[in-house]
Protein backbone atom coordinates (compact mmCIF):
# COMPACT_ATOMS: atom_id res chain seq x y z
CA MET A 1 155.30 187.60 76.94
CA PRO A 2 157.91 189.16 79.33
CA VAL A 3 160.97 190.86 77.76
CA SER A 4 163.28 188.45 79.56
CA GLU A 5 161.69 185.53 77.72
CA LEU A 6 162.06 187.31 74.37
CA VAL A 7 165.78 187.95 74.71
CA SER A 8 167.13 184.97 76.67
CA THR A 9 167.87 182.96 73.49
CA SER A 10 171.08 184.70 72.49
CA PRO A 11 174.56 184.40 74.00
CA ASP A 12 175.32 187.78 72.56
CA TRP A 13 173.36 189.90 75.04
CA GLN A 14 172.23 189.73 78.64
CA THR A 15 169.23 191.27 80.21
CA ALA A 16 168.16 191.87 83.80
CA LYS A 17 165.60 189.41 84.88
CA GLY A 18 162.04 190.67 85.54
CA ASP A 19 162.40 190.67 89.30
CA GLU A 20 165.77 192.47 89.22
CA GLN A 21 166.23 196.22 89.41
CA LYS A 22 166.74 197.90 86.02
CA PRO A 23 170.46 198.22 85.20
CA GLU A 24 172.08 201.59 85.57
CA SER A 25 174.26 201.12 82.54
CA LEU A 26 174.84 199.17 79.42
CA PHE A 27 178.18 197.41 79.05
CA VAL A 28 179.32 196.93 75.37
CA GLN A 29 182.18 194.46 74.83
CA LEU A 30 183.80 194.85 71.38
CA ARG A 31 186.53 192.63 70.04
CA ARG A 32 189.29 195.06 71.11
CA SER A 33 187.65 197.52 73.53
CA ALA A 34 184.78 198.05 75.85
CA PHE A 35 182.36 200.82 76.65
CA VAL A 36 179.88 201.59 79.44
CA PHE A 37 176.94 203.81 78.63
CA PRO A 38 174.62 205.01 81.43
CA TRP A 39 170.97 204.41 80.63
CA PHE A 40 170.04 207.91 81.87
CA ARG A 41 171.89 209.22 78.71
CA PHE A 42 169.79 206.96 76.38
CA VAL A 43 168.06 208.95 73.61
CA TYR A 44 166.39 206.41 71.29
CA ALA A 45 166.73 203.21 69.36
CA GLU A 46 165.38 202.09 66.00
CA GLY A 47 165.81 199.23 63.61
CA GLU A 48 164.57 195.78 62.49
CA SER A 49 165.71 192.19 62.55
CA ALA A 50 169.12 192.71 60.76
CA LYS A 51 170.16 196.07 62.13
CA ILE A 52 169.43 198.35 65.01
CA VAL A 53 170.76 201.75 66.03
CA ILE A 54 171.03 202.76 69.66
CA VAL A 55 171.65 206.43 70.36
CA PHE A 56 172.98 207.83 73.67
CA ALA A 57 173.68 211.57 74.22
CA THR A 58 177.33 211.22 73.12
CA HIS A 59 177.58 207.98 71.03
CA GLN A 60 175.74 205.99 68.45
CA LEU A 61 175.87 202.19 68.41
CA THR A 62 175.00 200.20 65.33
CA VAL A 63 174.36 196.55 65.88
CA THR A 64 174.07 194.11 62.93
CA GLY A 65 172.97 190.52 63.00
CA ARG A 66 169.88 188.44 62.89
CA GLY A 67 166.78 188.30 64.99
CA LEU A 68 167.57 191.60 66.61
CA GLY A 69 163.94 192.58 67.04
CA ALA A 70 163.93 190.89 70.43
CA LEU A 71 167.00 192.96 71.42
CA LEU A 72 165.25 196.17 70.28
CA THR A 73 162.29 195.26 72.56
CA ALA A 74 164.63 194.80 75.54
CA ILE A 75 166.36 198.07 74.80
CA ALA A 76 162.99 199.84 74.73
CA SER A 77 162.49 198.70 78.28
CA GLN A 78 166.09 199.46 79.26
CA ARG A 79 166.67 195.97 80.66
CA VAL A 80 169.81 195.18 78.64
CA VAL A 81 172.92 194.80 80.85
CA ARG A 82 175.53 193.69 78.30
CA LEU A 83 176.09 193.41 74.59
CA LEU A 84 178.90 191.20 73.35
CA GLU A 85 180.43 191.36 69.88
CA PRO A 86 181.43 187.86 68.85
CA SER A 87 184.90 187.14 67.44
CA GLN A 88 185.29 187.37 63.71
CA SER A 89 185.29 183.59 63.32
CA GLU A 90 182.25 183.14 65.60
CA ALA A 91 180.35 185.68 63.55
CA THR A 92 181.40 184.29 60.19
CA LEU A 93 180.85 180.58 61.02
CA GLY A 94 177.69 181.21 63.12
CA VAL A 95 179.10 179.42 66.21
CA ARG A 96 179.43 180.43 69.76
CA MET A 97 182.06 179.31 72.30
CA PRO A 98 182.64 177.36 74.41
CA GLY A 99 182.61 174.20 72.30
CA ALA A 100 182.04 176.01 68.97
CA VAL A 101 178.34 175.07 68.94
CA LYS A 102 176.37 176.15 65.92
CA HIS A 103 173.97 178.97 66.90
CA ASP A 104 170.92 179.52 64.69
CA GLY A 105 169.02 181.86 67.00
CA PRO A 106 169.15 185.58 67.34
CA ALA A 107 172.78 186.77 67.13
CA ILE A 108 174.93 189.86 66.82
CA GLU A 109 177.50 189.83 64.00
CA SER A 110 179.09 193.27 64.60
CA ILE A 111 178.80 196.32 66.78
CA SER A 112 180.23 199.73 65.89
CA VAL A 113 180.43 202.68 68.20
CA LYS A 114 180.64 206.27 66.90
CA ASN A 115 181.41 209.27 69.04
CA LEU A 116 178.90 211.93 68.06
CA SER A 117 181.01 214.79 69.32
CA GLU A 118 183.74 213.98 66.83
CA GLU A 119 181.47 214.64 63.86
CA ASN A 120 181.79 218.47 64.27
């Protein structure tokens, strides 16, 4: 099954379609800030359905939620264009805007970004 079919079921991430060129960067929209990470700085990713870790040369992203195995597959092929952290109420209630529709599919609950250079 193509990666685009595996990950198209979540409003919390967007991937490049199979016929589109691979994206040059990953845009991460948090509740109060945003980051852009170039894919050429990607180091590795690991995880399972409830939590994945994405490591770039300078930052580590930790994504929690449900059904994240499909997202991990898309990250492995570097087809992810955007990750979106839902609002606190969307994450708590399991709904997505517009219309506050209940979302039972794969979903992100939170994203944390850690600057690896600040650890030293």
